[in-house]
């Protein structure tokens, strides 16, 4: 007969792996969405510049006269430069010092984009935690959009994302790469492990905040369900 403790441990491990896989899928989907949105903005800006130049040439031709071959060449070159500038001007994710400027509802998306940009500087060991944080941010993005900016939970999330998480990442990346494998004398961990542990705390706090924000909706659902039962089941029995 199988040891119950071993069965529980195996089930817990399966659930943990399933959670990691789901978080990774969410993180990949969000990266694709950001890439598509950025591409769309760049194409839109480039098309806008080209359209403006074509319109300017038409207006010039109607009001002044033909611009000639030389003029067309100048317009073509100006169009290339203007289009390149418009495409490249699509903003990059904000730096940590600017994350605090975002309103709570916009902070999860801004933080997720910033964290994804910094992913290459972080160890592979941290990838599951980064994916888990991304998944939590996807949930919080919707939840924070429904609460006022002054909500205590929203304020806690803002401090965590705009201050404490960037400080954790920046502290790690400031350490020279060749020194990150060293053991921390106080507790025996490496800097990589310390970073992962810090990211775990961030993910747990985001999960706690999400649970707290959903508490009111859960309570409302229970109350509404009880009301419907008393209202309609009670009438049916009369």
Protein backbone atom coordinates (compact mmCIF):
# COMPACT_ATOMS: atom_id res chain seq x y z
CA UNK A 1 0.00 0.00 0.00
CA UNK A 2 1.33 3.40 -0.97
CA UNK A 3 2.49 5.69 1.79
CA UNK A 4 -0.16 8.45 2.20
CA UNK A 5 2.56 11.03 2.78
CA UNK A 6 4.25 10.07 -0.48
CA UNK A 7 0.94 10.26 -2.35
CA UNK A 8 0.28 13.73 -0.94
CA UNK A 9 3.82 14.82 -1.79
CA UNK A 10 3.48 13.58 -5.38
CA UNK A 11 0.15 15.35 -5.78
CA UNK A 12 1.61 18.55 -4.38
CA UNK A 13 4.51 18.29 -6.82
CA UNK A 14 2.10 17.77 -9.75
CA UNK A 15 0.08 20.79 -8.70
CA UNK A 16 3.25 22.85 -8.35
CA UNK A 17 4.41 21.89 -11.85
CA UNK A 18 0.95 22.58 -13.25
CA UNK A 19 0.96 26.02 -11.64
CA UNK A 20 4.41 26.75 -13.06
CA UNK A 21 3.28 25.67 -16.53
CA UNK A 22 0.15 27.80 -16.40
CA UNK A 23 2.12 30.83 -15.22
CA UNK A 24 4.62 30.35 -18.05
CA UNK A 25 1.78 30.24 -20.59
CA UNK A 26 0.29 33.45 -19.22
CA UNK A 27 3.68 35.16 -19.29
CA UNK A 28 4.30 34.11 -22.91
CA UNK A 29 0.85 35.30 -23.94
CA UNK A 30 1.44 38.70 -22.34
CA UNK A 31 4.81 39.03 -24.09
CA UNK A 32 3.14 38.26 -27.43
CA UNK A 33 0.44 40.84 -26.73
CA UNK A 34 3.03 43.50 -25.91
CA UNK A 35 5.03 42.68 -29.04
CA UNK A 36 1.91 42.87 -31.22
CA UNK A 37 0.82 46.13 -29.61
CA UNK A 38 4.27 47.66 -30.16
CA UNK A 39 4.31 46.50 -33.78
CA UNK A 40 0.85 47.94 -34.33
CA UNK A 41 1.89 51.31 -32.91
CA UNK A 42 5.00 51.41 -35.08
CA UNK A 43 3.11 50.49 -38.24
CA UNK A 44 0.44 53.05 -37.42
CA UNK A 45 2.95 55.83 -36.86
CA UNK A 46 4.87 54.95 -40.01
CA UNK A 47 1.68 54.91 -42.06
CA UNK A 48 0.66 58.24 -40.57
CA UNK A 49 3.94 59.86 -41.55
CA UNK A 50 3.76 58.49 -45.10
CA UNK A 51 0.16 59.64 -45.44
CA UNK A 52 1.05 63.13 -44.21
CA UNK A 53 3.90 63.41 -46.73
CA UNK A 54 1.71 62.24 -49.61
CA UNK A 55 -0.95 64.76 -48.63
CA UNK A 56 1.67 67.51 -48.39
CA UNK A 57 2.96 66.70 -51.90
CA UNK A 58 -0.58 66.76 -53.31
CA UNK A 59 -1.38 70.09 -51.66
CA UNK A 60 1.93 71.55 -52.85
CA UNK A 61 1.24 70.41 -56.39
CA UNK A 62 -2.23 71.96 -56.36
CA UNK A 63 -1.24 75.27 -54.81
CA UNK A 64 2.31 75.84 -56.04
CA UNK A 65 3.07 73.45 -58.85
CA UNK A 66 4.92 70.21 -59.59
CA UNK A 67 7.85 69.58 -57.27
CA UNK A 68 9.95 67.84 -59.91
CA UNK A 69 12.29 64.87 -59.69
CA UNK A 70 14.59 66.61 -57.23
CA UNK A 71 11.69 67.47 -55.00
CA UNK A 72 10.41 63.91 -55.11
CA UNK A 73 13.83 62.63 -54.08
CA UNK A 74 13.92 65.07 -51.16
CA UNK A 75 10.42 64.03 -50.12
CA UNK A 76 11.41 60.38 -50.37
CA UNK A 77 14.49 60.88 -48.18
CA UNK A 78 12.56 63.01 -45.72
CA UNK A 79 9.90 60.31 -45.61
CA UNK A 80 12.45 57.63 -44.79
CA UNK A 81 13.94 59.70 -41.97
CA UNK A 82 10.57 60.76 -40.58
CA UNK A 83 9.19 57.22 -40.75
CA UNK A 84 12.25 55.81 -39.00
CA UNK A 85 11.97 58.42 -36.24
CA UNK A 86 8.25 57.76 -35.83
CA UNK A 87 8.77 54.00 -35.64
CA UNK A 88 11.67 54.22 -33.20
CA UNK A 89 9.87 56.74 -31.00
CA UNK A 90 7.49 54.09 -29.67
CA UNK A 91 8.21 54.21 -25.97
CA UNK A 92 10.08 51.54 -24.06
CA UNK A 93 8.90 50.34 -20.64
CA UNK A 94 9.52 52.95 -17.93
CA UNK A 95 12.59 52.87 -15.75
CA UNK A 96 12.14 52.02 -12.06
CA UNK A 97 12.31 55.69 -11.11
CA UNK A 98 9.25 56.34 -13.30
CA UNK A 99 7.16 53.33 -12.31
CA UNK A 100 5.97 55.30 -9.31
CA UNK A 101 4.39 57.84 -11.66
CA UNK A 102 1.91 55.27 -12.98
CA UNK A 103 -1.54 55.07 -11.44
CA UNK A 104 -2.25 51.77 -9.62
CA UNK A 105 -4.46 50.46 -12.44
CA UNK A 106 -1.69 50.96 -15.02
CA UNK A 107 1.18 49.82 -12.81
CA UNK A 108 0.83 46.02 -13.30
CA UNK A 109 1.19 46.30 -17.10
CA UNK A 110 4.05 48.79 -16.82
CA UNK A 111 5.85 46.63 -14.26
CA UNK A 112 5.33 43.47 -16.30
CA UNK A 113 6.81 45.12 -19.40
CA UNK A 114 9.76 46.49 -17.42
CA UNK A 115 10.40 43.15 -15.72
CA UNK A 116 10.27 41.33 -19.05
CA UNK A 117 12.87 43.72 -20.44
CA UNK A 118 15.15 42.96 -17.49
CA UNK A 119 14.62 39.19 -17.70
CA UNK A 120 17.82 38.61 -19.68
CA UNK A 121 19.86 40.11 -16.86
CA UNK A 122 18.42 37.69 -14.31
CA UNK A 123 19.39 34.04 -13.75
CA UNK A 124 17.52 31.19 -15.41
CA UNK A 125 16.71 29.98 -11.91
CA UNK A 126 14.41 32.98 -11.54
CA UNK A 127 12.34 32.26 -14.68
CA UNK A 128 9.50 30.36 -12.91
CA UNK A 129 9.11 33.15 -10.36
CA UNK A 130 9.13 35.82 -13.04
CA UNK A 131 6.39 33.92 -14.86
CA UNK A 132 4.41 33.57 -11.63
CA UNK A 133 4.69 37.32 -10.99
CA UNK A 134 3.59 38.03 -14.56
CA UNK A 135 0.52 35.83 -14.08
CA UNK A 136 -0.37 37.63 -10.85
CA UNK A 137 0.08 41.00 -12.56
CA UNK A 138 -2.35 39.94 -15.29
CA UNK A 139 -4.99 39.27 -12.64
CA UNK A 140 -4.27 42.43 -10.67
CA UNK A 141 -4.45 44.60 -13.78
CA UNK A 142 -8.17 43.85 -14.07
CA UNK A 143 -8.84 44.05 -10.35
CA UNK A 144 -7.07 47.37 -9.78
CA UNK A 145 -9.02 48.94 -12.64
CA UNK A 146 -12.18 48.52 -10.53
CA UNK A 147 -10.95 50.08 -7.28
CA UNK A 148 -10.10 53.70 -6.46
CA UNK A 149 -6.44 54.72 -6.52
CA UNK A 150 -6.60 55.47 -2.80
CA UNK A 151 -7.66 51.94 -1.86
CA UNK A 152 -5.28 50.60 0.83
CA UNK A 153 -4.62 47.38 -1.07
CA UNK A 154 -3.96 49.33 -4.27
CA UNK A 155 -1.51 51.52 -2.37
CA UNK A 156 0.29 48.46 -1.00
CA UNK A 157 0.57 47.00 -4.50
CA UNK A 158 1.88 50.32 -5.80
CA UNK A 159 4.64 50.43 -3.20
CA UNK A 160 5.58 46.83 -3.89
CA UNK A 161 5.73 47.23 -7.67
CA UNK A 162 7.07 50.76 -7.93
CA UNK A 163 9.65 50.59 -5.15
CA UNK A 164 10.45 47.26 -3.54
CA UNK A 165 10.47 45.00 -6.61
CA UNK A 166 12.68 47.36 -8.68
CA UNK A 167 15.03 47.75 -5.72
CA UNK A 168 15.37 43.96 -5.49
CA UNK A 169 16.14 43.59 -9.20
CA UNK A 170 18.44 46.60 -9.36
CA UNK A 171 20.38 45.44 -6.31
CA UNK A 172 21.01 42.10 -8.00
CA UNK A 173 21.99 43.50 -11.41
CA UNK A 174 24.44 45.97 -9.86
CA UNK A 175 26.53 43.07 -8.55
CA UNK A 176 29.18 42.02 -11.11
CA UNK A 177 28.12 38.82 -12.88
CA UNK A 178 31.18 36.87 -11.76
CA UNK A 179 30.33 37.55 -8.10
CA UNK A 180 26.69 36.45 -8.18
CA UNK A 181 27.51 32.78 -7.58
CA UNK A 182 29.29 33.55 -4.34
CA UNK A 183 27.80 32.31 -1.13
CA UNK A 184 26.36 34.86 1.26
CA UNK A 185 28.24 34.38 4.49
CA UNK A 186 25.28 35.08 6.77
CA UNK A 187 22.96 32.30 5.59
CA UNK A 188 24.82 30.17 3.04
CA UNK A 189 22.70 31.13 0.02
CA UNK A 190 24.02 32.41 -3.28
CA UNK A 191 22.91 35.78 -4.62
CA UNK A 192 20.90 33.94 -7.28
CA UNK A 193 19.02 32.05 -4.57
CA UNK A 194 18.50 35.25 -2.57
CA UNK A 195 16.99 36.91 -5.64
CA UNK A 196 14.65 33.98 -6.26
CA UNK A 197 13.55 34.00 -2.61
CA UNK A 198 12.83 37.72 -2.88
CA UNK A 199 10.80 37.20 -6.04
CA UNK A 200 8.83 34.47 -4.26
CA UNK A 201 7.91 36.95 -1.54
CA UNK A 202 6.78 39.43 -4.20
CA UNK A 203 4.64 36.78 -5.89
CA UNK A 204 3.09 35.76 -2.57
CA UNK A 205 2.28 39.36 -1.69
CA UNK A 206 0.69 39.93 -5.09
CA UNK A 207 -1.41 36.79 -4.60
CA UNK A 208 -2.45 38.01 -1.16
CA UNK A 209 -3.42 41.41 -2.58
CA UNK A 210 -5.42 39.77 -5.36
CA UNK A 211 -7.22 37.59 -2.84
CA UNK A 212 -7.99 40.62 -0.68
CA UNK A 213 -9.37 42.58 -3.64
CA UNK A 214 -11.59 39.64 -4.60
CA UNK A 215 -12.94 39.17 -1.08
CA UNK A 216 -15.77 41.65 -1.53
CA UNK A 217 -16.87 40.03 -4.78
CA UNK A 218 -16.80 36.58 -3.20
CA UNK A 219 -18.91 37.77 -0.27
CA UNK A 220 -21.34 39.48 -2.64
CA UNK A 221 -21.71 36.26 -4.65
CA UNK A 222 -22.48 34.24 -1.52
CA UNK A 223 -25.03 36.79 -0.34
CA UNK A 224 -26.67 36.94 -3.76
CA UNK A 225 -26.82 33.15 -3.93
CA UNK A 226 -28.48 32.93 -0.53
CA UNK A 227 -30.93 35.64 -1.52
CA UNK A 228 -31.90 33.78 -4.70
CA UNK A 229 -32.36 30.54 -2.77
CA UNK A 230 -34.54 32.16 -0.14
CA UNK A 231 -36.48 34.19 -2.68
CA UNK A 232 -37.27 31.57 -5.30
CA UNK A 233 -36.91 28.22 -3.56
CA UNK A 234 -38.96 29.57 -0.71
CA UNK A 235 -41.72 30.67 -3.09
CA UNK A 236 -41.67 27.30 -4.86
CA UNK A 237 -42.40 25.49 -1.65
CA UNK A 238 -45.42 27.63 -0.81
